[in-house]
Amino acid sequence: MTVDDPRLLDGMRAQLRARDAAVGEGARQVGWKLGFGTVAAGEKFSLDRPLIGFLLDRGLLEDGAVVSVDGWMRPVLEPEVAVHIGSDIGPGASYDAVREAVAGASVAVELADLDTQPQGPEDVTDVLSGNIFHRHVLLGPLVPGCLSSAGLAATVTVDGLRAAATEDSSAITGDLLELVRLTAEQLAAVGERLVAGEVVITGSVVPPLPVAAGQRVDVEVSALGRLTLSLR
């Protein structure tokens, strides 16, 4: 797969038309999300990089938010690391240039609704067109200088009980700076770029967790902090 793979280009163009329509109605873009970046997803869909979606301010939630999942088909929660962009990143940026452009990182939580067939999605273009099932995101405060997820432990508790954990939050996602570099490269193929002030949430650090109304979830990533939300 290359950046000009027709599946990626067609899906992202459809996705960005929806983004542009939302911005035209007053929404503000706050960044980008990555998904399907695991080895298994790469093998299934013949991908060598994660898929990219967009984040809007209308999907942002505050720490401690109470979120309705009424009408969702299969709500899932993803604990993530968010990379904060400090200066614009051009399409040909090197790994070292990305390092210089990144301001730091924060803990993040994404809520998605897997509104697809039980066996999962089958078509990359469809996944991209639907903005990779995104519904909401919580972002913790920026921690300057946290440029690598390697060695960061993460824990998810549901109703006070440990539901998932990892000692290395890069084990599934891969290196944060390389993910940002790949994001800039792929965005350039559809006329977009990473700009200062945006965030990139880099994918779930554990397998996505099914969640349901009535639950309280706490996500903690060492050195980055904790976020809490409740579902109704």
Protein backbone atom coordinates (compact mmCIF):
# COMPACT_ATOMS: atom_id res chain seq x y z
CA MET A 1 0.00 0.00 0.00
CA THR A 2 1.18 3.54 -0.77
CA VAL A 3 -0.10 7.02 0.09
CA ASP A 4 -1.85 7.14 -3.28
CA ASP A 5 -3.73 3.87 -2.76
CA PRO A 6 -7.18 4.58 -4.32
CA ARG A 7 -8.92 3.11 -1.28
CA LEU A 8 -7.26 5.65 0.98
CA LEU A 9 -7.70 8.60 -1.35
CA ASP A 10 -11.37 7.91 -2.08
CA GLY A 11 -12.21 7.28 1.56
CA MET A 12 -10.37 10.32 2.87
CA ARG A 13 -11.85 12.61 0.24
CA ALA A 14 -15.35 11.49 1.21
CA GLN A 15 -14.47 11.94 4.87
CA LEU A 16 -13.07 15.42 4.31
CA ARG A 17 -16.19 16.49 2.45
CA ALA A 18 -18.14 15.65 5.61
CA ARG A 19 -15.54 17.56 7.66
CA ASP A 20 -15.85 20.60 5.41
CA ALA A 21 -19.64 20.53 5.67
CA ALA A 22 -19.42 20.45 9.47
CA VAL A 23 -16.90 23.31 9.50
CA GLY A 24 -19.23 25.25 7.22
CA GLU A 25 -21.91 24.84 9.89
CA GLY A 26 -19.62 26.30 12.57
CA ALA A 27 -17.58 23.34 13.83
CA ARG A 28 -13.85 23.72 14.40
CA GLN A 29 -11.28 21.05 13.67
CA VAL A 30 -9.01 20.27 16.62
CA GLY A 31 -6.91 17.51 15.10
CA TRP A 32 -6.80 14.00 13.75
CA LYS A 33 -7.32 10.43 14.93
CA LEU A 34 -5.55 7.24 13.94
CA GLY A 35 -7.11 3.81 13.77
CA PHE A 36 -6.57 0.29 12.44
CA GLY A 37 -2.85 0.62 13.05
CA THR A 38 -2.29 -2.82 14.56
CA VAL A 39 -0.36 -5.60 12.87
CA ALA A 40 -3.58 -7.61 12.51
CA ALA A 41 -5.39 -4.72 10.82
CA GLY A 42 -2.43 -4.17 8.50
CA GLU A 43 -2.51 -7.78 7.43
CA LYS A 44 -6.29 -7.87 6.98
CA PHE A 45 -6.51 -4.68 4.92
CA SER A 46 -3.01 -4.70 3.34
CA LEU A 47 -2.05 -1.50 5.16
CA ASP A 48 1.40 -0.29 6.13
CA ARG A 49 0.13 2.67 8.18
CA PRO A 50 -2.89 3.58 10.32
CA LEU A 51 -6.03 5.07 8.83
CA ILE A 52 -6.68 8.77 9.55
CA GLY A 53 -9.87 10.51 10.66
CA PHE A 54 -10.66 14.01 11.86
CA LEU A 55 -11.55 15.46 15.29
CA LEU A 56 -13.97 18.35 15.74
CA ASP A 57 -14.63 20.53 18.76
CA ARG A 58 -18.25 19.35 18.84
CA GLY A 59 -16.97 15.88 19.79
CA LEU A 60 -14.73 17.10 22.64
CA LEU A 61 -15.70 16.10 26.18
CA GLU A 62 -14.40 17.37 29.50
CA ASP A 63 -12.79 15.17 32.11
CA GLY A 64 -15.59 13.69 34.24
CA ALA A 65 -18.16 13.95 31.45
CA VAL A 66 -21.38 11.96 31.49
CA VAL A 67 -21.96 10.59 27.98
CA SER A 68 -25.15 9.16 26.51
CA VAL A 69 -24.69 6.07 24.37
CA ASP A 70 -28.39 5.75 23.69
CA GLY A 71 -28.94 4.45 20.17
CA TRP A 72 -25.33 3.33 19.69
CA MET A 73 -24.89 -0.15 18.23
CA ARG A 74 -21.57 -1.24 19.76
CA PRO A 75 -19.92 1.47 21.89
CA VAL A 76 -16.23 0.98 22.58
CA LEU A 77 -13.65 2.96 24.54
CA GLU A 78 -10.04 3.42 23.50
CA PRO A 79 -7.35 4.72 25.89
CA GLU A 80 -4.81 6.62 23.83
CA VAL A 81 -1.84 8.95 23.83
CA ALA A 82 -2.42 12.30 22.11
CA VAL A 83 0.48 14.06 20.42
CA HIS A 84 0.27 17.87 20.45
CA ILE A 85 1.67 19.65 17.41
CA GLY A 86 3.76 22.70 18.25
CA SER A 87 4.63 23.87 14.74
CA ASP A 88 3.45 23.00 11.24
CA ILE A 89 4.69 19.71 9.78
CA GLY A 90 5.17 19.62 6.02
CA PRO A 91 4.65 16.61 3.76
CA GLY A 92 8.31 15.63 3.51
CA ALA A 93 9.21 16.09 7.17
CA SER A 94 11.89 13.77 8.53
CA TYR A 95 11.64 11.92 11.82
CA ASP A 96 13.94 14.48 13.44
CA ALA A 97 11.89 17.38 12.04
CA VAL A 98 8.76 15.84 13.53
CA ARG A 99 10.52 15.54 16.87
CA GLU A 100 11.28 19.27 16.78
CA ALA A 101 7.70 20.13 15.81
CA VAL A 102 5.97 18.15 18.56
CA ALA A 103 5.14 20.11 21.72
CA GLY A 104 4.39 17.13 23.95
CA ALA A 105 1.75 14.56 24.72
CA SER A 106 -1.30 13.93 26.87
CA VAL A 107 -3.59 11.13 27.91
CA ALA A 108 -6.66 10.77 25.67
CA VAL A 109 -9.82 8.67 25.55
CA GLU A 110 -11.83 8.04 22.41
CA LEU A 111 -15.39 6.77 22.25
CA ALA A 112 -16.43 5.05 19.04
CA ASP A 113 -19.52 3.22 17.85
CA LEU A 114 -18.76 0.14 15.78
CA ASP A 115 -21.98 0.46 13.79
CA THR A 116 -21.06 -2.31 11.39
CA GLN A 117 -21.61 -6.01 10.92
CA PRO A 118 -20.60 -8.22 13.88
CA GLN A 119 -17.55 -9.62 12.09
CA GLY A 120 -16.20 -6.11 11.65
CA PRO A 121 -15.67 -3.79 8.68
CA GLU A 122 -14.51 -5.19 5.38
CA ASP A 123 -13.82 -2.12 3.26
CA VAL A 124 -11.15 0.52 3.94
CA THR A 125 -12.95 3.18 1.90
CA ASP A 126 -16.16 2.72 3.88
CA VAL A 127 -14.31 2.90 7.19
CA LEU A 128 -12.64 6.16 6.18
CA SER A 129 -15.84 7.62 4.75
CA GLY A 130 -17.47 7.11 8.15
CA ASN A 131 -14.56 8.79 9.96
CA ILE A 132 -13.45 5.49 11.51
CA PHE A 133 -16.49 5.20 13.82
CA HIS A 134 -15.48 8.26 15.86
CA ARG A 135 -17.97 9.80 18.29
CA HIS A 136 -16.17 11.64 21.12
CA VAL A 137 -12.73 12.34 22.55
CA LEU A 138 -11.41 13.46 25.92
CA LEU A 139 -8.00 15.13 26.09
CA GLY A 140 -5.87 15.57 29.18
CA PRO A 141 -3.54 18.54 29.71
CA LEU A 142 -0.38 18.76 27.61
CA VAL A 143 2.77 17.36 29.20
CA PRO A 144 5.71 19.01 27.42
CA GLY A 145 8.52 16.85 26.17
CA CYS A 146 6.77 13.44 26.33
CA LEU A 147 7.81 12.44 22.82
CA SER A 148 7.67 8.66 23.10
CA SER A 149 5.02 6.30 24.40
CA ALA A 150 7.65 3.62 25.05
CA GLY A 151 7.72 2.70 28.69
CA LEU A 152 4.45 4.48 29.54
CA ALA A 153 2.14 2.16 31.46
CA ALA A 154 -1.62 2.45 31.01
CA THR A 155 -4.50 1.16 33.11
CA VAL A 156 -8.25 1.15 32.49
CA THR A 157 -10.70 0.53 35.32
CA VAL A 158 -14.44 0.04 34.87
CA ASP A 159 -16.58 0.56 37.98
CA GLY A 160 -13.45 0.33 40.08
CA LEU A 161 -12.22 -2.96 38.64
CA ARG A 162 -9.21 -3.27 36.38
CA ALA A 163 -10.44 -3.97 32.83
CA ALA A 164 -7.21 -3.63 30.83
CA ALA A 165 -3.59 -2.64 31.30
CA THR A 166 -0.27 -2.47 29.49
CA GLU A 167 3.24 -1.79 30.69
CA ASP A 168 4.23 -0.34 27.31
CA SER A 169 1.66 1.84 25.56
CA SER A 170 3.66 1.70 22.32
CA ALA A 171 3.37 -2.09 22.04
CA ILE A 172 0.24 -1.91 19.86
CA THR A 173 0.49 1.55 18.30
CA GLY A 174 4.21 1.83 17.55
CA ASP A 175 6.49 4.84 17.90
CA LEU A 176 4.62 8.13 18.36
CA LEU A 177 6.90 10.27 16.24
CA GLU A 178 6.81 7.83 13.35
CA LEU A 179 3.02 7.79 13.56
CA VAL A 180 2.96 11.57 13.30
CA ARG A 181 5.37 11.47 10.36
CA LEU A 182 3.17 8.95 8.54
CA THR A 183 0.12 11.09 9.29
CA ALA A 184 1.72 14.15 7.74
CA GLU A 185 2.73 12.11 4.71
CA GLN A 186 -0.77 10.69 4.17
CA LEU A 187 -2.52 14.02 4.74
CA ALA A 188 -0.34 15.65 2.10
CA ALA A 189 -1.70 13.16 -0.45
CA VAL A 190 -5.18 14.69 -0.01
CA GLY A 191 -4.08 18.32 0.25
CA GLU A 192 -4.03 18.55 4.05
CA ARG A 193 -1.28 19.13 6.60
CA LEU A 194 -0.62 19.00 10.31
CA VAL A 195 -0.62 22.50 11.79
CA ALA A 196 0.41 24.02 15.09
CA GLY A 197 -2.22 23.63 17.78
CA GLU A 198 -3.67 20.38 16.47
CA VAL A 199 -3.56 17.05 18.26
CA VAL A 200 -3.17 13.54 16.87
CA ILE A 201 -4.66 10.74 18.95
CA THR A 202 -2.49 7.82 18.04
CA GLY A 203 -4.64 4.72 18.52
CA SER A 204 -5.77 2.53 21.38
CA VAL A 205 -2.94 1.30 23.60
CA VAL A 206 -4.99 -1.81 24.49
CA PRO A 207 -7.63 -3.61 22.41
CA PRO A 208 -10.79 -1.43 22.27
CA LEU A 209 -13.02 -2.09 25.27
CA PRO A 210 -16.77 -2.66 24.87
CA VAL A 211 -18.64 -0.34 27.25
CA ALA A 212 -22.27 0.15 28.23
CA ALA A 213 -24.61 2.61 29.89
CA GLY A 214 -24.27 2.75 33.67
CA GLN A 215 -20.50 2.29 33.73
CA ARG A 216 -17.83 4.63 35.09
CA VAL A 217 -14.45 4.38 33.37
CA ASP A 218 -11.06 5.68 34.53
CA VAL A 219 -8.04 5.77 32.21
CA GLU A 220 -4.55 6.48 33.52
CA VAL A 221 -1.31 6.72 31.56
CA SER A 222 1.84 7.07 33.64
CA ALA A 223 3.48 10.51 33.39
CA LEU A 224 0.47 11.85 31.47
CA GLY A 225 -2.36 11.65 33.99
CA ARG A 226 -5.91 10.35 34.33
CA LEU A 227 -9.29 10.89 32.67
CA THR A 228 -12.71 9.80 33.89
CA LEU A 229 -16.10 9.49 32.23
CA SER A 230 -19.48 7.93 32.95
CA LEU A 231 -21.89 6.40 30.44
CA ARG A 232 -25.64 6.66 30.53
